Amino acid sequence: MTDRSIVDQLQARLRLPAIVAPMFLISGPDIVIAAARAGIMGMFPAPNARTIHDLSEWLARITRELTEAGREGMWAINMIVHPTYDRFDAELDLVCEYKPQIVVTALGNPRRPMDRIHAYGGSVFADVISPAQARKAADAGADGLILVASGAGGHTGHYSHFAFVEEVRSFWDGPLVLAGAIGSGNAIRAALTLGADFAYMGTRFIATREAQVAEANREMLVRSGMEDIVTTRAVTGIASNWMRESLEASGFTAEMLEEKKKVDFSNMGDTKAWKSIWGAGHSVGRTCRIQTVAEVVDELADEYAGGTSRAQSIERWSTCRR
């Protein structure tokens, strides 16, 4: 049986079995610290720090402030392990210095950083979008799996949550996180009912005050619904979900959205192309207003605990009608 001790350890300290997903250019120290203080786990992608020096300062701040708040260790980091990503070694050195409990690998083999992370006692979770990738990650020695199902913001999967979890659980009994279109406390509970241990949530937190986004991005999220989300490979070469309005504002035509760009992560530090192309998942309709992270978590916790009646749920849904 796969080691599941980290599941018990985290669930004992979390207010909700939820993790704020790492979002490119969106997640930084503010959202990570706010999430941990609110009682869930925060995470950010290492490339969001523009330089290695910035990354070192971010990690020092997160470690210091969460230790002072009594929430030490309640954060994680996401690393790109694709061969074209040229900051990998420098980032791994800092990861081993600050020792996050969980390191999530994306876009490559999770084994690449595994020996060094295991050496300090950390765990490696792997992003996967198919049962085949899940098997490969498990065979590579991943400590946990993050199933990115259909409807996720940014880089997305294309399999149904229901079938995806069922199939992976037929060969994997270890820690399991489910991602994709999870935007409410009800959806968190549903993820656990399906067989996941934690829910990965991104879109619901983009419109928070702590997210590193422009006010126009927040406002676009509030007025968008799932039909405003476009799946295309034209931006990164990988199937991703973006808000249609932002794509059109950036000059993408219907023909351009059908194109497949070559995958290349060697220029992740150049953020100019991403200033006005904004991702979101199918749960975008649950973003009804601009809030703080703490306010979102309070709502999620209330829903998850069953603290709202059906009438209250209907009233809450009605506030999001567009």
Protein backbone atom coordinates (compact mmCIF):
# COMPACT_ATOMS: atom_id res chain seq x y z
CA MET A 1 0.00 0.00 0.00
CA THR A 2 1.24 3.49 -0.85
CA ASP A 3 2.17 5.71 2.09
CA ARG A 4 -0.86 7.85 2.95
CA SER A 5 0.47 9.43 6.14
CA ILE A 6 0.67 12.87 4.54
CA VAL A 7 -3.10 12.78 3.93
CA ASP A 8 -3.82 12.28 7.64
CA GLN A 9 -1.25 14.92 8.63
CA LEU A 10 -2.68 17.57 6.31
CA GLN A 11 -6.35 16.84 6.93
CA ALA A 12 -5.74 17.18 10.67
CA ARG A 13 -4.48 20.73 10.14
CA LEU A 14 -6.70 21.94 7.31
CA ARG A 15 -10.04 23.64 7.81
CA LEU A 16 -11.04 22.25 4.44
CA PRO A 17 -9.48 19.48 2.33
CA ALA A 18 -8.62 22.06 -0.29
CA ILE A 19 -5.50 23.42 -1.96
CA VAL A 20 -5.23 26.68 -3.87
CA ALA A 21 -3.76 25.54 -7.16
CA PRO A 22 -0.56 27.16 -8.46
CA MET A 23 -1.53 29.62 -11.19
CA PHE A 24 0.96 31.12 -13.63
CA LEU A 25 1.50 34.86 -12.98
CA ILE A 26 -1.40 34.84 -10.50
CA SER A 27 -0.13 33.08 -7.39
CA GLY A 28 2.47 34.74 -5.21
CA PRO A 29 3.35 35.07 -1.53
CA ASP A 30 0.20 37.07 -0.71
CA ILE A 31 -2.24 34.42 -1.87
CA VAL A 32 -0.17 31.56 -0.42
CA ILE A 33 0.07 33.18 3.00
CA ALA A 34 -3.60 34.22 3.02
CA ALA A 35 -4.72 30.72 2.09
CA ALA A 36 -2.67 29.10 4.83
CA ARG A 37 -3.90 31.61 7.41
CA ALA A 38 -7.49 30.95 6.32
CA GLY A 39 -7.05 27.24 6.97
CA ILE A 40 -6.29 25.68 3.61
CA MET A 41 -3.05 25.08 1.72
CA GLY A 42 -1.55 27.68 -0.60
CA MET A 43 0.76 27.00 -3.52
CA PHE A 44 2.54 28.92 -6.25
CA PRO A 45 4.53 28.08 -9.39
CA ALA A 46 8.24 28.77 -9.02
CA PRO A 47 8.38 30.63 -12.40
CA ASN A 48 6.08 33.33 -11.00
CA ALA A 49 9.12 34.80 -9.26
CA ARG A 50 10.80 36.76 -12.06
CA THR A 51 14.34 35.96 -10.88
CA ILE A 52 15.99 33.37 -8.67
CA HIS A 53 16.72 36.17 -6.19
CA ASP A 54 13.01 37.01 -6.11
CA LEU A 55 12.18 33.36 -5.56
CA SER A 56 14.57 33.21 -2.61
CA GLU A 57 12.91 36.27 -1.07
CA TRP A 58 9.42 34.82 -1.63
CA LEU A 59 10.34 31.55 0.04
CA ALA A 60 11.93 33.33 2.99
CA ARG A 61 8.85 35.51 3.47
CA ILE A 62 6.37 32.64 3.20
CA THR A 63 8.37 30.53 5.66
CA ARG A 64 8.77 33.40 8.13
CA GLU A 65 5.19 34.67 8.11
CA LEU A 66 3.55 31.25 8.28
CA THR A 67 5.83 30.20 11.14
CA GLU A 68 4.85 33.37 13.01
CA ALA A 69 1.16 32.58 12.35
CA GLY A 70 1.48 29.00 13.59
CA ARG A 71 0.80 27.67 10.06
CA GLU A 72 4.32 26.52 9.24
CA GLY A 73 4.53 23.97 6.47
CA MET A 74 1.07 24.72 5.09
CA TRP A 75 2.33 25.70 1.67
CA ALA A 76 3.66 23.98 -1.41
CA ILE A 77 5.46 24.84 -4.62
CA ASN A 78 4.98 23.84 -8.24
CA MET A 79 8.00 23.12 -10.45
CA ILE A 80 8.17 22.76 -14.22
CA VAL A 81 10.26 19.69 -15.03
CA HIS A 82 10.05 19.97 -18.83
CA PRO A 83 13.52 19.66 -20.43
CA THR A 84 13.22 23.09 -22.08
CA TYR A 85 12.82 24.89 -18.76
CA ASP A 86 16.24 26.38 -18.00
CA ARG A 87 15.76 27.48 -14.37
CA PHE A 88 15.10 24.01 -13.03
CA ASP A 89 18.42 23.42 -11.24
CA ALA A 90 18.52 26.81 -9.54
CA GLU A 91 14.93 26.46 -8.37
CA LEU A 92 15.56 22.99 -7.02
CA ASP A 93 18.47 24.29 -4.95
CA LEU A 94 16.11 26.76 -3.25
CA VAL A 95 13.42 24.15 -2.78
CA CYS A 96 15.91 21.99 -0.93
CA GLU A 97 16.91 24.98 1.20
CA TYR A 98 13.37 25.90 2.29
CA LYS A 99 11.98 22.33 2.31
CA PRO A 100 8.28 22.55 1.41
CA GLN A 101 6.33 19.50 2.50
CA ILE A 102 4.95 19.02 -1.01
CA VAL A 103 6.52 19.76 -4.39
CA VAL A 104 4.22 19.41 -7.38
CA THR A 105 5.79 18.61 -10.71
CA ALA A 106 4.24 19.61 -14.00
CA LEU A 107 4.96 19.02 -17.68
CA GLY A 108 7.46 16.22 -17.31
CA ASN A 109 8.75 13.22 -15.37
CA PRO A 110 8.33 13.64 -11.58
CA ARG A 111 11.48 11.60 -11.01
CA ARG A 112 13.71 14.47 -12.08
CA PRO A 113 13.70 16.28 -8.67
CA MET A 114 12.63 13.30 -6.60
CA ASP A 115 15.88 12.10 -5.00
CA ARG A 116 16.77 15.50 -3.59
CA ILE A 117 13.25 16.21 -2.32
CA HIS A 118 12.99 12.80 -0.67
CA ALA A 119 16.40 13.38 0.90
CA TYR A 120 15.03 16.21 3.07
CA GLY A 121 11.75 14.40 3.79
CA GLY A 122 9.53 16.10 1.22
CA SER A 123 6.90 14.53 -1.02
CA VAL A 124 6.56 14.78 -4.79
CA PHE A 125 3.08 15.01 -6.29
CA ALA A 126 2.66 14.80 -10.05
CA ASP A 127 0.16 16.61 -12.27
CA VAL A 128 -1.42 14.14 -14.71
CA ILE A 129 -4.20 14.45 -17.28
CA SER A 130 -4.81 10.79 -18.14
CA PRO A 131 -4.72 7.30 -16.58
CA ALA A 132 -1.64 6.54 -18.69
CA GLN A 133 0.22 9.53 -17.23
CA ALA A 134 -0.96 8.53 -13.76
CA ARG A 135 0.53 5.06 -14.20
CA LYS A 136 3.82 6.51 -15.42
CA ALA A 137 4.01 8.89 -12.47
CA ALA A 138 3.21 6.09 -10.03
CA ASP A 139 5.84 3.85 -11.63
CA ALA A 140 8.34 6.74 -11.37
CA GLY A 141 7.81 6.81 -7.61
CA ALA A 142 5.50 9.82 -7.19
CA ASP A 143 4.17 10.17 -3.64
CA GLY A 144 0.86 11.65 -4.77
CA LEU A 145 -1.14 12.29 -7.92
CA ILE A 146 -3.05 15.38 -9.01
CA LEU A 147 -5.69 14.46 -11.55
CA VAL A 148 -6.37 17.42 -13.82
CA ALA A 149 -9.82 16.71 -15.23
CA SER A 150 -11.94 18.48 -17.81
CA GLY A 151 -12.74 22.12 -17.21
CA ALA A 152 -9.58 23.17 -15.38
CA GLY A 153 -8.32 26.71 -15.91
CA GLY A 154 -5.07 27.18 -17.81
CA HIS A 155 -3.57 23.84 -18.82
CA THR A 156 -6.49 21.45 -18.67
CA GLY A 157 -7.36 17.80 -18.90
CA HIS A 158 -10.15 16.36 -21.02
CA TYR A 159 -11.48 13.40 -19.03
CA SER A 160 -14.57 13.35 -16.84
CA HIS A 161 -13.93 13.68 -13.09
CA PHE A 162 -16.20 10.72 -12.40
CA ALA A 163 -14.47 8.24 -14.70
CA PHE A 164 -10.96 9.62 -14.18
CA VAL A 165 -10.93 9.12 -10.42
CA GLU A 166 -12.57 5.70 -10.67
CA GLU A 167 -10.02 4.42 -13.17
CA VAL A 168 -6.97 5.77 -11.35
CA ARG A 169 -8.24 4.46 -8.01
CA SER A 170 -8.33 0.98 -9.56
CA PHE A 171 -4.50 0.96 -9.46
CA TRP A 172 -3.53 3.80 -7.09
CA ASP A 173 -4.33 3.88 -3.37
CA GLY A 174 -2.05 6.77 -2.47
CA PRO A 175 -2.73 10.49 -1.93
CA LEU A 176 -5.01 11.83 -4.65
CA VAL A 177 -5.92 15.42 -5.49
CA LEU A 178 -8.67 16.23 -7.96
CA ALA A 179 -8.56 19.38 -10.11
CA GLY A 180 -10.85 20.93 -12.67
CA ALA A 181 -13.99 23.07 -12.34
CA ILE A 182 -14.15 22.80 -8.54
CA GLY A 183 -15.55 26.11 -7.37
CA SER A 184 -17.74 25.50 -4.32
CA GLY A 185 -17.89 23.71 -1.00
CA ASN A 186 -20.38 21.30 -2.57
CA ALA A 187 -17.86 20.51 -5.29
CA ILE A 188 -15.12 19.89 -2.69
CA ARG A 189 -17.37 17.38 -0.96
CA ALA A 190 -18.19 15.77 -4.30
CA ALA A 191 -14.47 15.37 -5.04
CA LEU A 192 -14.00 13.46 -1.80
CA THR A 193 -17.09 11.38 -2.46
CA LEU A 194 -15.59 10.35 -5.80
CA GLY A 195 -12.45 9.13 -4.04
CA ALA A 196 -10.09 12.09 -3.93
CA ASP A 197 -8.35 13.17 -0.70
CA PHE A 198 -8.16 16.87 -1.58
CA ALA A 199 -9.66 19.33 -4.05
CA TYR A 200 -7.45 21.61 -6.13
CA MET A 201 -9.05 25.03 -6.69
CA GLY A 202 -7.75 27.80 -8.90
CA THR A 203 -10.35 29.88 -10.70
CA ARG A 204 -12.34 30.73 -7.56
CA PHE A 205 -9.26 32.45 -6.11
CA ILE A 206 -8.20 34.51 -9.15
CA ALA A 207 -10.63 37.34 -8.34
CA THR A 208 -9.36 37.66 -4.78
CA ARG A 209 -7.58 40.77 -3.59
CA GLU A 210 -4.42 38.76 -2.90
CA ALA A 211 -4.06 37.42 -6.44
CA GLN A 212 -1.41 39.05 -8.65
CA VAL A 213 -3.83 40.15 -11.37
CA ALA A 214 -5.09 43.38 -12.87
CA GLU A 215 -8.43 44.72 -11.70
CA ALA A 216 -9.74 44.23 -15.24
CA ASN A 217 -8.96 40.52 -14.92
CA ARG A 218 -11.00 40.29 -11.71
CA GLU A 219 -13.90 42.14 -13.31
CA MET A 220 -13.83 39.87 -16.36
CA LEU A 221 -14.05 36.80 -14.12
CA VAL A 222 -17.10 38.20 -12.33
CA ARG A 223 -18.99 38.74 -15.59
CA SER A 224 -17.95 35.45 -17.23
CA GLY A 225 -19.67 32.08 -17.32
CA MET A 226 -18.52 28.68 -18.51
CA GLU A 227 -19.63 29.40 -22.07
CA ASP A 228 -17.09 32.22 -22.13
CA ILE A 229 -14.20 29.73 -21.72
CA VAL A 230 -12.25 28.63 -24.80
CA THR A 231 -10.02 25.57 -25.00
CA THR A 232 -7.08 25.99 -27.38
CA ARG A 233 -3.49 24.89 -27.98
CA ALA A 234 -2.67 28.16 -29.74
CA VAL A 235 -1.24 29.91 -26.69
CA THR A 236 1.21 27.41 -25.15
CA GLY A 237 1.02 24.36 -27.39
CA ILE A 238 -0.87 22.50 -24.65
CA ALA A 239 -4.67 22.37 -24.40
CA SER A 240 -5.58 25.26 -22.10
CA ASN A 241 -8.69 27.13 -21.02
CA TRP A 242 -8.83 30.91 -21.42
CA MET A 243 -11.49 33.59 -21.18
CA ARG A 244 -12.73 34.33 -24.69
CA GLU A 245 -12.89 38.06 -24.03
CA SER A 246 -9.19 38.20 -23.18
CA LEU A 247 -8.21 36.18 -26.26
CA GLU A 248 -10.20 38.46 -28.53
CA ALA A 249 -8.69 41.55 -26.88
CA SER A 250 -5.25 40.10 -27.60
CA GLY A 251 -6.04 39.72 -31.29
CA PHE A 252 -6.76 35.98 -31.51
CA THR A 253 -9.12 35.11 -34.35
CA ALA A 254 -11.14 31.91 -34.66
CA GLU A 255 -8.61 30.64 -37.20
CA MET A 256 -5.65 31.39 -34.92
CA LEU A 257 -7.29 29.50 -32.05
CA GLU A 258 -7.28 26.36 -34.20
CA GLU A 259 -3.48 26.48 -34.55
CA LYS A 260 -1.16 24.35 -32.43
CA LYS A 261 1.85 26.19 -31.07
CA LYS A 262 5.10 24.30 -30.41
CA VAL A 263 5.62 23.54 -26.72
CA ASP A 264 8.57 25.57 -25.38
CA PHE A 265 9.02 26.70 -21.78
CA SER A 266 12.45 28.24 -22.19
CA ASN A 267 11.04 31.79 -22.15
CA MET A 268 8.77 31.62 -19.10
CA GLY A 269 10.39 34.73 -17.69
CA ASP A 270 9.05 36.84 -20.56
CA THR A 271 5.59 37.74 -19.28
CA LYS A 272 4.64 40.38 -21.88
CA ALA A 273 2.61 37.93 -23.94
CA TRP A 274 0.57 36.98 -20.88
CA LYS A 275 -0.43 40.47 -19.76
CA SER A 276 -3.86 40.27 -21.36
CA ILE A 277 -4.42 36.54 -21.97
CA TRP A 278 -6.26 35.34 -18.89
CA GLY A 279 -7.08 31.79 -17.94
CA ALA A 280 -10.11 30.45 -16.11
CA GLY A 281 -11.88 27.13 -15.73
CA HIS A 282 -15.46 25.99 -16.15
CA SER A 283 -16.23 26.92 -12.53
CA VAL A 284 -15.82 30.62 -13.37
CA GLY A 285 -19.56 31.11 -12.89
CA ARG A 286 -19.08 30.68 -9.13
CA THR A 287 -17.05 33.90 -9.05
CA CYS A 288 -19.81 36.36 -8.23
CA ARG A 289 -17.79 39.23 -6.77
CA ILE A 290 -14.30 40.33 -5.83
CA GLN A 291 -13.38 39.02 -2.36
CA THR A 292 -10.44 38.30 -0.09
CA VAL A 293 -9.07 34.79 0.20
CA ALA A 294 -10.43 34.57 3.75
CA GLU A 295 -13.93 35.49 2.58
CA VAL A 296 -13.85 32.82 -0.14
CA VAL A 297 -12.66 30.19 2.32
CA ASP A 298 -15.41 31.15 4.79
CA GLU A 299 -18.03 30.60 2.08
CA LEU A 300 -16.48 27.32 0.99
CA ALA A 301 -16.32 26.07 4.58
CA ASP A 302 -19.96 26.96 5.17
CA GLU A 303 -21.05 25.11 2.04
CA TYR A 304 -18.81 22.13 2.72
CA ALA A 305 -20.11 21.73 6.27
CA GLY A 306 -23.70 21.81 5.09
CA GLY A 307 -24.23 25.07 6.90
CA THR A 308 -26.47 26.38 4.14
CA SER A 309 -29.98 25.10 3.55
CA ARG A 310 -31.21 24.29 0.05
CA ALA A 311 -33.12 27.59 0.05
CA GLN A 312 -29.93 29.47 1.02
CA SER A 313 -27.99 27.63 -1.68
CA ILE A 314 -30.57 28.62 -4.28
CA GLU A 315 -30.38 32.22 -3.07
CA ARG A 316 -26.58 32.15 -3.33
CA TRP A 317 -26.74 30.68 -6.82
CA SER A 318 -29.19 33.38 -7.87
CA THR A 319 -26.67 36.09 -6.98
CA CYS A 320 -24.41 34.68 -9.70
CA ARG A 321 -27.00 34.74 -12.43
CA ARG A 322 -25.81 36.80 -15.37
